[in-house]
């Protein structure tokens, strides 16, 4: 089974270049599925329909 989620990869921090510090954010669930191909498709669909923004909010998946 695969868990599909999205999260940010940066946080605002004045002491870092461009004011952004690497920091994996909280995982926000998109869904679960049984096949890796389906997990990839869910990530692509979410990423195609949501701008990553300044903090690089993107979908990904993990096996559970």
PDB file of N, CA and C in Angstrom:
ATOM      1  N   UNK A   1       0.845  -1.176   0.000  1.00  0.00           N
ATOM      2  CA  UNK A   1       0.000   0.000   0.000  1.00  0.00           C
ATOM      3  C   UNK A   1       0.890   1.238   0.000  1.00  0.00           C
ATOM      4  N   UNK A   2       0.388   2.298  -0.634  1.00  0.00           N
ATOM      5  CA  UNK A   2       1.119   3.551  -0.730  1.00  0.00           C
ATOM      6  C   UNK A   2       0.287   4.695  -0.154  1.00  0.00           C
ATOM      7  N   UNK A   3       0.951   5.564   0.566  1.00  0.00           N
ATOM      8  CA  UNK A   3       0.320   6.765   1.119  1.00  0.00           C
ATOM      9  C   UNK A   3       0.784   7.939   0.273  1.00  0.00           C
ATOM     10  N   UNK A   4      -0.165   8.705  -0.259  1.00  0.00           N
ATOM     11  CA  UNK A   4       0.128   9.869  -1.096  1.00  0.00           C
ATOM     12  C   UNK A   4      -0.162  11.122  -0.272  1.00  0.00           C
ATOM     13  N   UNK A   5       0.756  12.078  -0.297  1.00  0.00           N
ATOM     14  CA  UNK A   5       0.625  13.276   0.527  1.00  0.00           C
ATOM     15  C   UNK A   5       1.349  14.441  -0.131  1.00  0.00           C
ATOM     16  N   UNK A   6       1.143  15.627   0.402  1.00  0.00           N
ATOM     17  CA  UNK A   6       1.912  16.785  -0.044  1.00  0.00           C
ATOM     18  C   UNK A   6       2.478  17.492   1.185  1.00  0.00           C
ATOM     19  N   UNK A   7       3.569  18.191   0.982  1.00  0.00           N
ATOM     20  CA  UNK A   7       4.203  18.967   2.052  1.00  0.00           C
ATOM     21  C   UNK A   7       5.144  19.996   1.450  1.00  0.00           C
ATOM     22  N   UNK A   8       5.491  20.970   2.255  1.00  0.00           N
ATOM     23  CA  UNK A   8       6.453  21.989   1.831  1.00  0.00           C
ATOM     24  C   UNK A   8       7.866  21.479   2.125  1.00  0.00           C
ATOM     25  N   UNK A   9       8.841  22.096   1.447  1.00  0.00           N
ATOM     26  CA  UNK A   9      10.243  21.709   1.645  1.00  0.00           C
ATOM     27  C   UNK A   9      11.108  22.838   2.187  1.00  0.00           C
ATOM     28  N   UNK A  10      10.519  24.011   2.408  1.00  0.00           N
ATOM     29  CA  UNK A  10      11.260  25.156   2.919  1.00  0.00           C
ATOM     30  C   UNK A  10      10.454  25.861   3.990  1.00  0.00           C
ATOM     31  N   UNK A  11      11.150  26.636   4.830  1.00  0.00           N
ATOM     32  CA  UNK A  11      10.469  27.520   5.765  1.00  0.00           C
ATOM     33  C   UNK A  11      11.158  28.874   5.714  1.00  0.00           C
ATOM     34  N   UNK A  12      10.423  29.906   6.083  1.00  0.00           N
ATOM     35  CA  UNK A  12      10.992  31.258   6.109  1.00  0.00           C
ATOM     36  C   UNK A  12      11.997  31.358   7.258  1.00  0.00           C
ATOM     37  N   UNK A  13      13.170  31.904   6.967  1.00  0.00           N
ATOM     38  CA  UNK A  13      14.221  32.051   7.967  1.00  0.00           C
ATOM     39  C   UNK A  13      15.147  33.184   7.533  1.00  0.00           C
ATOM     40  N   UNK A  14      15.176  34.243   8.288  1.00  0.00           N
ATOM     41  CA  UNK A  14      15.955  35.434   7.917  1.00  0.00           C
ATOM     42  C   UNK A  14      17.448  35.169   7.800  1.00  0.00           C
ATOM     43  N   UNK A  15      17.970  34.189   8.523  1.00  0.00           N
ATOM     44  CA  UNK A  15      19.402  33.928   8.521  1.00  0.00           C
ATOM     45  C   UNK A  15      19.904  33.126   7.336  1.00  0.00           C
ATOM     46  N   UNK A  16      19.028  32.694   6.452  1.00  0.00           N
ATOM     47  CA  UNK A  16      19.418  31.865   5.313  1.00  0.00           C
ATOM     48  C   UNK A  16      19.358  32.673   4.013  1.00  0.00           C
ATOM     49  N   UNK A  17      20.153  32.259   3.003  1.00  0.00           N
ATOM     50  CA  UNK A  17      20.098  32.937   1.704  1.00  0.00           C
ATOM     51  C   UNK A  17      18.659  32.948   1.174  1.00  0.00           C
ATOM     52  N   UNK A  18      18.263  34.042   0.612  1.00  0.00           N
ATOM     53  CA  UNK A  18      16.916  34.235   0.071  1.00  0.00           C
ATOM     54  C   UNK A  18      15.826  34.110   1.136  1.00  0.00           C
ATOM     55  N   UNK A  19      16.221  34.042   2.404  1.00  0.00           N
ATOM     56  CA  UNK A  19      15.247  33.973   3.490  1.00  0.00           C
ATOM     57  C   UNK A  19      14.536  32.644   3.618  1.00  0.00           C
ATOM     58  N   UNK A  20      15.066  31.580   2.997  1.00  0.00           N
ATOM     59  CA  UNK A  20      14.445  30.260   3.046  1.00  0.00           C
ATOM     60  C   UNK A  20      15.427  29.210   3.555  1.00  0.00           C
ATOM     61  N   UNK A  21      14.975  28.419   4.511  1.00  0.00           N
ATOM     62  CA  UNK A  21      15.780  27.347   5.102  1.00  0.00           C
ATOM     63  C   UNK A  21      15.160  26.003   4.739  1.00  0.00           C
ATOM     64  N   UNK A  22      15.986  25.003   4.342  1.00  0.00           N
ATOM     65  CA  UNK A  22      15.432  23.675   4.061  1.00  0.00           C
ATOM     66  C   UNK A  22      14.734  23.120   5.300  1.00  0.00           C
ATOM     67  N   UNK A  23      13.516  22.625   5.121  1.00  0.00           N
ATOM     68  CA  UNK A  23      12.754  22.113   6.262  1.00  0.00           C
ATOM     69  C   UNK A  23      11.549  21.325   5.758  1.00  0.00           C
ATOM     70  N   UNK A  24      11.635  19.988   5.690  1.00  0.00           N
ATOM     71  CA  UNK A  24      10.467  19.203   5.274  1.00  0.00           C
ATOM     72  C   UNK A  24       9.293  19.464   6.221  1.00  0.00           C
ATOM     73  N   UNK A  25       8.142  19.819   5.652  1.00  0.00           N
ATOM     74  CA  UNK A  25       6.972  20.170   6.444  1.00  0.00           C
ATOM     75  C   UNK A  25       6.120  18.966   6.831  1.00  0.00           C
ATOM     76  N   UNK A  26       5.003  19.257   7.452  1.00  0.00           N
ATOM     77  CA  UNK A  26       4.040  18.242   7.876  1.00  0.00           C
ATOM     78  C   UNK A  26       3.413  17.611   6.635  1.00  0.00           C
ATOM     79  N   UNK A  27       3.239  16.289   6.673  1.00  0.00           N
ATOM     80  CA  UNK A  27       2.620  15.568   5.558  1.00  0.00           C
ATOM     81  C   UNK A  27       1.101  15.727   5.641  1.00  0.00           C
ATOM     82  N   UNK A  28       0.507  16.194   4.534  1.00  0.00           N
ATOM     83  CA  UNK A  28      -0.945  16.347   4.437  1.00  0.00           C
ATOM     84  C   UNK A  28      -1.466  15.296   3.460  1.00  0.00           C
ATOM     85  N   UNK A  29      -2.314  14.395   3.950  1.00  0.00           N
ATOM     86  CA  UNK A  29      -2.779  13.255   3.175  1.00  0.00           C
ATOM     87  C   UNK A  29      -3.587  13.658   1.946  1.00  0.00           C
ATOM     88  N   UNK A  30      -3.294  12.985   0.833  1.00  0.00           N
ATOM     89  CA  UNK A  30      -4.080  13.103  -0.390  1.00  0.00           C
ATOM     90  C   UNK A  30      -4.909  11.832  -0.557  1.00  0.00           C
ATOM     91  N   UNK A  31      -4.319  10.685  -0.227  1.00  0.00           N
ATOM     92  CA  UNK A  31      -5.030   9.415  -0.349  1.00  0.00           C
ATOM     93  C   UNK A  31      -4.110   8.225  -0.190  1.00  0.00           C
ATOM     94  N   UNK A  32      -4.707   7.041  -0.323  1.00  0.00           N
ATOM     95  CA  UNK A  32      -3.956   5.785  -0.254  1.00  0.00           C
ATOM     96  C   UNK A  32      -4.327   4.938  -1.457  1.00  0.00           C
ATOM     97  N   UNK A  33      -3.402   4.077  -1.889  1.00  0.00           N
ATOM     98  CA  UNK A  33      -3.667   3.185  -3.012  1.00  0.00           C
ATOM     99  C   UNK A  33      -2.780   1.952  -2.882  1.00  0.00           C
ATOM    100  N   UNK A  34      -3.077   0.946  -3.696  1.00  0.00           N
ATOM    101  CA  UNK A  34      -2.343  -0.308  -3.620  1.00  0.00           C
ATOM    102  C   UNK A  34      -1.226  -0.447  -4.649  1.00  0.00           C
ATOM    103  N   UNK A  35      -1.257   0.351  -5.705  1.00  0.00           N
ATOM    104  CA  UNK A  35      -0.255   0.221  -6.749  1.00  0.00           C
ATOM    105  C   UNK A  35       0.602   1.477  -6.852  1.00  0.00           C
ATOM    106  N   UNK A  36       1.899   1.273  -7.044  1.00  0.00           N
ATOM    107  CA  UNK A  36       2.822   2.399  -7.137  1.00  0.00           C
ATOM    108  C   UNK A  36       2.487   3.297  -8.333  1.00  0.00           C
ATOM    109  N   UNK A  37       2.078   2.702  -9.434  1.00  0.00           N
ATOM    110  CA  UNK A  37       1.707   3.482 -10.618  1.00  0.00           C
ATOM    111  C   UNK A  37       0.568   4.445 -10.293  1.00  0.00           C
ATOM    112  N   UNK A  38      -0.408   3.989  -9.518  1.00  0.00           N
ATOM    113  CA  UNK A  38      -1.523   4.842  -9.110  1.00  0.00           C
ATOM    114  C   UNK A  38      -1.023   5.973  -8.216  1.00  0.00           C
ATOM    115  N   UNK A  39      -0.088   5.663  -7.323  1.00  0.00           N
ATOM    116  CA  UNK A  39       0.486   6.692  -6.447  1.00  0.00           C
ATOM    117  C   UNK A  39       1.180   7.763  -7.272  1.00  0.00           C
ATOM    118  N   UNK A  40       1.918   7.359  -8.285  1.00  0.00           N
ATOM    119  CA  UNK A  40       2.588   8.322  -9.171  1.00  0.00           C
ATOM    120  C   UNK A  40       1.570   9.203  -9.892  1.00  0.00           C
ATOM    121  N   UNK A  41       0.492   8.581 -10.369  1.00  0.00           N
ATOM    122  CA  UNK A  41      -0.548   9.336 -11.074  1.00  0.00           C
ATOM    123  C   UNK A  41      -1.220  10.347 -10.149  1.00  0.00           C
ATOM    124  N   UNK A  42      -1.495   9.953  -8.898  1.00  0.00           N
ATOM    125  CA  UNK A  42      -2.101  10.873  -7.936  1.00  0.00           C
ATOM    126  C   UNK A  42      -1.175  12.063  -7.668  1.00  0.00           C
ATOM    127  N   UNK A  43       0.113  11.797  -7.535  1.00  0.00           N
ATOM    128  CA  UNK A  43       1.081  12.877  -7.319  1.00  0.00           C
ATOM    129  C   UNK A  43       1.115  13.816  -8.514  1.00  0.00           C
ATOM    130  N   UNK A  44       1.172  13.257  -9.718  1.00  0.00           N
ATOM    131  CA  UNK A  44       1.216  14.084 -10.925  1.00  0.00           C
ATOM    132  C   UNK A  44      -0.036  14.942 -11.025  1.00  0.00           C
ATOM    133  N   UNK A  45      -1.189  14.348 -10.772  1.00  0.00           N
ATOM    134  CA  UNK A  45      -2.441  15.100 -10.843  1.00  0.00           C
ATOM    135  C   UNK A  45      -2.452  16.248  -9.835  1.00  0.00           C
ATOM    136  N   UNK A  46      -2.035  15.965  -8.592  1.00  0.00           N
ATOM    137  CA  UNK A  46      -2.026  17.005  -7.563  1.00  0.00           C
ATOM    138  C   UNK A  46      -1.043  18.118  -7.949  1.00  0.00           C
ATOM    139  N   UNK A  47       0.163  17.729  -8.361  1.00  0.00           N
ATOM    140  CA  UNK A  47       1.183  18.724  -8.724  1.00  0.00           C
ATOM    141  C   UNK A  47       0.773  19.548  -9.950  1.00  0.00           C
ATOM    142  N   UNK A  48       0.075  18.926 -10.890  1.00  0.00           N
ATOM    143  CA  UNK A  48      -0.382  19.653 -12.088  1.00  0.00           C
ATOM    144  C   UNK A  48      -1.463  20.678 -11.756  1.00  0.00           C
ATOM    145  N   UNK A  49      -2.187  20.471 -10.670  1.00  0.00           N
ATOM    146  CA  UNK A  49      -3.313  21.340 -10.315  1.00  0.00           C
ATOM    147  C   UNK A  49      -3.052  22.250  -9.122  1.00  0.00           C
ATOM    148  N   UNK A  50      -1.831  22.230  -8.585  1.00  0.00           N
ATOM    149  CA  UNK A  50      -1.482  23.055  -7.426  1.00  0.00           C
ATOM    150  C   UNK A  50      -0.103  23.652  -7.618  1.00  0.00           C
ATOM    151  N   UNK A  51      -0.019  24.960  -7.552  1.00  0.00           N
ATOM    152  CA  UNK A  51       1.269  25.636  -7.669  1.00  0.00           C
ATOM    153  C   UNK A  51       2.109  25.344  -6.419  1.00  0.00           C
ATOM    154  N   UNK A  52       3.398  25.056  -6.583  1.00  0.00           N
ATOM    155  CA  UNK A  52       4.237  24.747  -5.424  1.00  0.00           C
ATOM    156  C   UNK A  52       4.500  25.949  -4.518  1.00  0.00           C
ATOM    157  N   UNK A  53       4.414  27.148  -5.079  1.00  0.00           N
ATOM    158  CA  UNK A  53       4.629  28.351  -4.292  1.00  0.00           C
ATOM    159  C   UNK A  53       6.063  28.498  -3.808  1.00  0.00           C
ATOM    160  N   UNK A  54       6.274  29.529  -3.024  1.00  0.00           N
ATOM    161  CA  UNK A  54       7.611  29.877  -2.531  1.00  0.00           C
ATOM    162  C   UNK A  54       8.230  28.776  -1.673  1.00  0.00           C
ATOM    163  N   UNK A  55       7.400  28.013  -0.946  1.00  0.00           N
ATOM    164  CA  UNK A  55       7.926  26.986  -0.032  1.00  0.00           C
ATOM    165  C   UNK A  55       7.993  25.606  -0.673  1.00  0.00           C
ATOM    166  N   UNK A  56       7.734  25.519  -1.973  1.00  0.00           N
ATOM    167  CA  UNK A  56       7.834  24.286  -2.752  1.00  0.00           C
ATOM    168  C   UNK A  56       6.953  23.163  -2.197  1.00  0.00           C
ATOM    169  N   UNK A  57       5.655  23.416  -2.155  1.00  0.00           N
ATOM    170  CA  UNK A  57       4.672  22.433  -1.693  1.00  0.00           C
ATOM    171  C   UNK A  57       4.373  21.473  -2.838  1.00  0.00           C
ATOM    172  N   UNK A  58       4.793  20.211  -2.693  1.00  0.00           N
ATOM    173  CA  UNK A  58       4.643  19.228  -3.764  1.00  0.00           C
ATOM    174  C   UNK A  58       4.152  17.894  -3.210  1.00  0.00           C
ATOM    175  N   UNK A  59       3.491  17.127  -4.076  1.00  0.00           N
ATOM    176  CA  UNK A  59       2.994  15.801  -3.713  1.00  0.00           C
ATOM    177  C   UNK A  59       4.099  14.766  -3.851  1.00  0.00           C
ATOM    178  N   UNK A  60       4.024  13.760  -3.013  1.00  0.00           N
ATOM    179  CA  UNK A  60       4.940  12.624  -3.066  1.00  0.00           C
ATOM    180  C   UNK A  60       4.234  11.432  -2.449  1.00  0.00           C
ATOM    181  N   UNK A  61       4.900  10.286  -2.445  1.00  0.00           N
ATOM    182  CA  UNK A  61       4.277   9.097  -1.852  1.00  0.00           C
ATOM    183  C   UNK A  61       5.330   8.259  -1.142  1.00  0.00           C
ATOM    184  N   UNK A  62       4.836   7.349  -0.286  1.00  0.00           N
ATOM    185  CA  UNK A  62       5.712   6.429   0.419  1.00  0.00           C
ATOM    186  C   UNK A  62       4.981   5.115   0.600  1.00  0.00           C
ATOM    187  N   UNK A  63       5.728   4.049   0.650  1.00  0.00           N
ATOM    188  CA  UNK A  63       5.135   2.735   0.883  1.00  0.00           C
ATOM    189  C   UNK A  63       4.858   2.578   2.384  1.00  0.00           C
ATOM    190  N   UNK A  64       3.680   2.061   2.695  1.00  0.00           N
ATOM    191  CA  UNK A  64       3.315   1.847   4.118  1.00  0.00           C
ATOM    192  C   UNK A  64       2.927   0.406   4.357  1.00  0.00           C
TER     193      UNK A  64
END
